[in-house]
Amino acid sequence: MVDAIRRTAKALAVGGLVTAGLVLAAPGSAQAALSGCSTNYSGRTGTAKCTTATNGSSFRVKVVCYKITSGQTRTIYGTWKTTSGSTSSASCLTGEEIDDVTIQKVV
């Protein structure tokens, strides 16, 4: 009886180690990816575009506008995009010019 219990315990222990090894060796989930990203502007509108957006990654444009008469700046953001090839855009108000256009990424 004692030998049967020892064999069972040993089998469970070895089985647990094998299972743990399989869990540790399992590949992780796919990495989120953004590539082919660029920014541009025309007039008072800044844009950001990524040709590839996969596995839950997202991006948006960040535009810094400055008021011509006072030199004050403010930051505006476009909508978050998750689709490859889509464009995020944001526009400065009348009387403002674009000071900087960058892209924010979540991967």
N, C-alpha and C. Protein backbone atom coordinates (compact mmCIF):
# COMPACT_ATOMS: atom_id res chain seq x y z
N MET A 1 0.82 -1.19 0.00
CA MET A 1 0.00 0.00 0.00
C MET A 1 0.86 1.25 0.00
N VAL A 2 1.91 1.27 0.84
CA VAL A 2 2.81 2.41 0.91
C VAL A 2 3.51 2.61 -0.43
N ASP A 3 3.92 1.50 -1.07
CA ASP A 3 4.58 1.60 -2.38
C ASP A 3 3.63 2.19 -3.43
N ALA A 4 2.36 1.80 -3.37
CA ALA A 4 1.37 2.33 -4.32
C ALA A 4 1.20 3.83 -4.12
N ILE A 5 1.19 4.29 -2.89
CA ILE A 5 1.05 5.72 -2.60
C ILE A 5 2.28 6.47 -3.09
N ARG A 6 3.47 5.88 -2.85
CA ARG A 6 4.71 6.53 -3.32
C ARG A 6 4.73 6.63 -4.85
N ARG A 7 4.32 5.55 -5.54
CA ARG A 7 4.30 5.58 -7.01
C ARG A 7 3.32 6.64 -7.51
N THR A 8 2.17 6.73 -6.88
CA THR A 8 1.17 7.72 -7.27
C THR A 8 1.70 9.13 -7.03
N ALA A 9 2.30 9.35 -5.88
CA ALA A 9 2.85 10.67 -5.57
C ALA A 9 3.96 11.04 -6.55
N LYS A 10 4.82 10.07 -6.87
CA LYS A 10 5.92 10.32 -7.83
C LYS A 10 5.35 10.64 -9.21
N ALA A 11 4.34 9.89 -9.62
CA ALA A 11 3.73 10.13 -10.94
C ALA A 11 3.10 11.52 -10.99
N LEU A 12 2.42 11.91 -9.93
CA LEU A 12 1.82 13.24 -9.89
C LEU A 12 2.88 14.33 -9.91
N ALA A 13 3.98 14.12 -9.18
CA ALA A 13 5.05 15.10 -9.14
C ALA A 13 5.70 15.24 -10.51
N VAL A 14 5.99 14.13 -11.17
CA VAL A 14 6.60 14.18 -12.50
C VAL A 14 5.63 14.80 -13.48
N GLY A 15 4.36 14.42 -13.40
CA GLY A 15 3.35 15.01 -14.28
C GLY A 15 3.23 16.50 -14.09
N GLY A 16 3.31 16.96 -12.84
CA GLY A 16 3.26 18.39 -12.55
C GLY A 16 4.44 19.12 -13.13
N LEU A 17 5.63 18.51 -13.07
CA LEU A 17 6.82 19.14 -13.65
C LEU A 17 6.71 19.24 -15.16
N VAL A 18 6.20 18.18 -15.77
CA VAL A 18 6.03 18.20 -17.23
C VAL A 18 5.03 19.29 -17.61
N THR A 19 3.91 19.36 -16.89
CA THR A 19 2.91 20.38 -17.17
C THR A 19 3.49 21.78 -16.98
N ALA A 20 4.24 21.99 -15.90
CA ALA A 20 4.85 23.29 -15.66
C ALA A 20 5.81 23.64 -16.79
N GLY A 21 6.57 22.66 -17.27
CA GLY A 21 7.49 22.90 -18.38
C GLY A 21 6.75 23.30 -19.64
N LEU A 22 5.61 22.68 -19.88
CA LEU A 22 4.83 23.04 -21.06
C LEU A 22 4.29 24.46 -20.95
N VAL A 23 3.86 24.83 -19.78
CA VAL A 23 3.35 26.19 -19.58
C VAL A 23 4.46 27.20 -19.78
N LEU A 24 5.64 26.92 -19.23
CA LEU A 24 6.77 27.84 -19.37
C LEU A 24 7.27 27.91 -20.80
N ALA A 25 7.14 26.81 -21.53
CA ALA A 25 7.66 26.76 -22.89
C ALA A 25 6.66 27.27 -23.92
N ALA A 26 5.42 27.47 -23.52
CA ALA A 26 4.40 27.92 -24.46
C ALA A 26 4.75 29.31 -24.97
N PRO A 27 4.59 29.55 -26.27
CA PRO A 27 4.89 30.87 -26.80
C PRO A 27 3.93 31.92 -26.24
N GLY A 28 4.43 33.13 -26.06
CA GLY A 28 3.60 34.22 -25.57
C GLY A 28 2.64 34.70 -26.62
N SER A 29 1.76 35.58 -26.24
CA SER A 29 0.83 36.14 -27.20
C SER A 29 1.60 37.01 -28.20
N ALA A 30 1.02 37.22 -29.34
CA ALA A 30 1.68 38.00 -30.39
C ALA A 30 1.94 39.43 -29.92
N GLN A 31 3.04 39.99 -30.33
CA GLN A 31 3.40 41.35 -29.96
C GLN A 31 2.58 42.35 -30.78
N ALA A 32 2.15 43.40 -30.11
CA ALA A 32 1.50 44.49 -30.82
C ALA A 32 2.54 45.18 -31.69
N ALA A 33 2.16 45.66 -32.84
CA ALA A 33 3.13 46.25 -33.74
C ALA A 33 2.56 47.44 -34.50
N LEU A 34 3.37 48.48 -34.59
CA LEU A 34 3.10 49.62 -35.44
C LEU A 34 4.33 49.82 -36.32
N SER A 35 4.11 50.02 -37.59
CA SER A 35 5.24 50.30 -38.47
C SER A 35 4.78 51.17 -39.63
N GLY A 36 5.75 51.73 -40.31
CA GLY A 36 5.46 52.61 -41.43
C GLY A 36 4.74 53.87 -40.99
N CYS A 37 5.07 54.37 -39.79
CA CYS A 37 4.37 55.54 -39.25
C CYS A 37 5.02 56.84 -39.74
N SER A 38 4.18 57.82 -39.99
CA SER A 38 4.68 59.13 -40.44
C SER A 38 3.70 60.22 -40.01
N THR A 39 4.21 61.44 -39.96
CA THR A 39 3.37 62.60 -39.68
C THR A 39 3.50 63.58 -40.83
N ASN A 40 2.51 64.46 -40.94
CA ASN A 40 2.51 65.46 -42.00
C ASN A 40 1.60 66.60 -41.54
N TYR A 41 1.66 67.71 -42.23
CA TYR A 41 0.72 68.79 -41.97
C TYR A 41 0.48 69.56 -43.25
N SER A 42 -0.69 70.17 -43.29
CA SER A 42 -1.07 71.03 -44.41
C SER A 42 -1.97 72.10 -43.83
N GLY A 43 -1.57 73.35 -44.00
CA GLY A 43 -2.35 74.45 -43.42
C GLY A 43 -2.34 74.35 -41.90
N ARG A 44 -3.52 74.26 -41.30
CA ARG A 44 -3.63 74.17 -39.84
C ARG A 44 -3.92 72.75 -39.37
N THR A 45 -3.82 71.75 -40.25
CA THR A 45 -4.15 70.37 -39.89
C THR A 45 -2.92 69.48 -39.90
N GLY A 46 -2.72 68.75 -38.80
CA GLY A 46 -1.65 67.77 -38.69
C GLY A 46 -2.22 66.37 -38.78
N THR A 47 -1.47 65.46 -39.38
CA THR A 47 -1.94 64.08 -39.53
C THR A 47 -0.85 63.09 -39.13
N ALA A 48 -1.29 61.91 -38.74
CA ALA A 48 -0.40 60.79 -38.45
C ALA A 48 -1.00 59.55 -39.09
N LYS A 49 -0.12 58.73 -39.67
CA LYS A 49 -0.58 57.52 -40.35
C LYS A 49 0.43 56.40 -40.11
N CYS A 50 -0.06 55.19 -39.89
CA CYS A 50 0.79 54.00 -39.79
C CYS A 50 0.29 53.00 -40.82
N THR A 51 1.19 52.49 -41.65
CA THR A 51 0.78 51.53 -42.67
C THR A 51 0.44 50.18 -42.07
N THR A 52 1.02 49.86 -40.89
CA THR A 52 0.72 48.60 -40.22
C THR A 52 0.39 48.86 -38.76
N ALA A 53 -0.77 48.39 -38.33
CA ALA A 53 -1.19 48.46 -36.93
C ALA A 53 -1.82 47.10 -36.60
N THR A 54 -1.15 46.31 -35.75
CA THR A 54 -1.64 44.96 -35.48
C THR A 54 -1.73 44.67 -33.99
N ASN A 55 -2.48 43.65 -33.66
CA ASN A 55 -2.58 43.08 -32.31
C ASN A 55 -2.89 44.10 -31.22
N GLY A 56 -3.83 44.98 -31.48
CA GLY A 56 -4.26 45.91 -30.45
C GLY A 56 -3.43 47.17 -30.32
N SER A 57 -2.46 47.36 -31.19
CA SER A 57 -1.68 48.60 -31.12
C SER A 57 -2.52 49.76 -31.65
N SER A 58 -2.18 50.97 -31.21
CA SER A 58 -2.93 52.14 -31.66
C SER A 58 -2.02 53.36 -31.71
N PHE A 59 -2.49 54.38 -32.41
CA PHE A 59 -1.72 55.60 -32.56
C PHE A 59 -2.67 56.78 -32.74
N ARG A 60 -2.15 57.98 -32.51
CA ARG A 60 -2.90 59.20 -32.79
C ARG A 60 -1.91 60.34 -33.01
N VAL A 61 -2.39 61.39 -33.66
CA VAL A 61 -1.56 62.56 -33.91
C VAL A 61 -1.61 63.48 -32.69
N LYS A 62 -0.49 64.13 -32.43
CA LYS A 62 -0.39 65.16 -31.39
C LYS A 62 0.09 66.43 -32.09
N VAL A 63 -0.72 67.48 -32.01
CA VAL A 63 -0.40 68.74 -32.69
C VAL A 63 -0.26 69.85 -31.66
N VAL A 64 0.83 70.58 -31.73
CA VAL A 64 1.02 71.76 -30.90
C VAL A 64 0.72 72.97 -31.77
N CYS A 65 -0.27 73.75 -31.33
CA CYS A 65 -0.67 74.96 -32.06
C CYS A 65 -0.17 76.19 -31.30
N TYR A 66 0.16 77.23 -32.04
CA TYR A 66 0.50 78.48 -31.36
C TYR A 66 -0.33 79.62 -31.96
N LYS A 67 -0.74 80.51 -31.06
CA LYS A 67 -1.57 81.65 -31.47
C LYS A 67 -0.64 82.74 -31.97
N ILE A 68 -0.87 83.19 -33.15
CA ILE A 68 0.01 84.14 -33.82
C ILE A 68 0.12 85.45 -33.04
N THR A 69 -1.00 85.95 -32.52
CA THR A 69 -0.99 87.26 -31.87
C THR A 69 -0.34 87.26 -30.49
N SER A 70 -0.44 86.14 -29.76
CA SER A 70 0.09 86.13 -28.39
C SER A 70 1.28 85.18 -28.20
N GLY A 71 1.47 84.26 -29.11
CA GLY A 71 2.54 83.27 -28.97
C GLY A 71 2.19 82.13 -28.02
N GLN A 72 0.98 82.12 -27.48
CA GLN A 72 0.56 81.04 -26.60
C GLN A 72 0.44 79.74 -27.39
N THR A 73 0.75 78.64 -26.70
CA THR A 73 0.62 77.34 -27.36
C THR A 73 -0.43 76.49 -26.64
N ARG A 74 -0.97 75.55 -27.39
CA ARG A 74 -1.87 74.55 -26.82
C ARG A 74 -1.68 73.26 -27.61
N THR A 75 -1.97 72.16 -26.96
CA THR A 75 -1.79 70.85 -27.59
C THR A 75 -3.15 70.22 -27.84
N ILE A 76 -3.31 69.68 -29.03
CA ILE A 76 -4.55 68.97 -29.38
C ILE A 76 -4.17 67.59 -29.91
N TYR A 77 -5.13 66.68 -29.85
CA TYR A 77 -4.89 65.30 -30.26
C TYR A 77 -5.96 64.84 -31.23
N GLY A 78 -5.56 63.98 -32.15
CA GLY A 78 -6.51 63.34 -33.05
C GLY A 78 -7.09 62.11 -32.36
N THR A 79 -8.00 61.44 -33.04
CA THR A 79 -8.61 60.24 -32.48
C THR A 79 -7.65 59.06 -32.59
N TRP A 80 -7.75 58.14 -31.62
CA TRP A 80 -6.94 56.92 -31.65
C TRP A 80 -7.35 56.06 -32.83
N LYS A 81 -6.37 55.50 -33.52
CA LYS A 81 -6.62 54.62 -34.66
C LYS A 81 -5.97 53.26 -34.41
N THR A 82 -6.65 52.20 -34.82
CA THR A 82 -6.14 50.85 -34.64
C THR A 82 -6.07 50.08 -35.96
N THR A 83 -6.47 50.70 -37.04
CA THR A 83 -6.53 50.04 -38.34
C THR A 83 -5.35 50.43 -39.21
N SER A 84 -4.71 49.44 -39.82
CA SER A 84 -3.59 49.70 -40.72
C SER A 84 -4.03 50.65 -41.83
N GLY A 85 -3.19 51.65 -42.10
CA GLY A 85 -3.45 52.59 -43.17
C GLY A 85 -4.40 53.73 -42.82
N SER A 86 -4.95 53.73 -41.61
CA SER A 86 -5.87 54.81 -41.26
C SER A 86 -5.08 56.05 -40.82
N THR A 87 -5.75 57.19 -40.85
CA THR A 87 -5.11 58.47 -40.55
C THR A 87 -5.82 59.15 -39.39
N SER A 88 -5.02 59.63 -38.43
CA SER A 88 -5.53 60.43 -37.32
C SER A 88 -5.20 61.89 -37.63
N SER A 89 -6.15 62.79 -37.43
CA SER A 89 -5.90 64.20 -37.74
C SER A 89 -6.46 65.11 -36.66
N ALA A 90 -5.85 66.29 -36.57
CA ALA A 90 -6.30 67.33 -35.64
C ALA A 90 -5.94 68.67 -36.25
N SER A 91 -6.83 69.65 -36.06
CA SER A 91 -6.64 70.97 -36.67
C SER A 91 -6.58 72.08 -35.64
N CYS A 92 -5.66 73.00 -35.88
CA CYS A 92 -5.56 74.20 -35.06
C CYS A 92 -6.72 75.13 -35.43
N LEU A 93 -7.05 76.05 -34.52
CA LEU A 93 -8.12 77.00 -34.76
C LEU A 93 -7.68 78.11 -35.70
N THR A 94 -8.63 78.85 -36.24
CA THR A 94 -8.33 80.03 -37.03
C THR A 94 -7.54 80.99 -36.14
N GLY A 95 -6.48 81.57 -36.67
CA GLY A 95 -5.62 82.46 -35.89
C GLY A 95 -4.47 81.72 -35.23
N GLU A 96 -4.42 80.40 -35.41
CA GLU A 96 -3.32 79.59 -34.89
C GLU A 96 -2.55 78.96 -36.05
N GLU A 97 -1.33 78.63 -35.79
CA GLU A 97 -0.48 77.92 -36.74
C GLU A 97 0.05 76.67 -36.07
N ILE A 98 0.49 75.72 -36.86
CA ILE A 98 1.10 74.50 -36.32
C ILE A 98 2.53 74.78 -35.91
N ASP A 99 2.85 74.41 -34.68
CA ASP A 99 4.21 74.53 -34.18
C ASP A 99 4.95 73.20 -34.27
N ASP A 100 4.22 72.07 -34.03
CA ASP A 100 4.85 70.75 -34.04
C ASP A 100 3.79 69.68 -34.27
N VAL A 101 4.18 68.61 -34.98
CA VAL A 101 3.30 67.47 -35.22
C VAL A 101 4.10 66.21 -34.87
N THR A 102 3.58 65.43 -33.93
CA THR A 102 4.21 64.16 -33.56
C THR A 102 3.15 63.07 -33.49
N ILE A 103 3.60 61.86 -33.23
CA ILE A 103 2.68 60.73 -33.14
C ILE A 103 2.82 60.07 -31.77
N GLN A 104 1.70 59.74 -31.18
CA GLN A 104 1.68 58.98 -29.94
C GLN A 104 1.34 57.54 -30.29
N LYS A 105 2.07 56.59 -29.70
CA LYS A 105 1.85 55.17 -30.01
C LYS A 105 1.58 54.38 -28.74
N VAL A 106 0.70 53.41 -28.86
CA VAL A 106 0.48 52.43 -27.81
C VAL A 106 0.67 51.07 -28.45
N VAL A 107 1.71 50.38 -28.02
CA VAL A 107 1.99 49.05 -28.59
C VAL A 107 1.98 48.00 -27.53
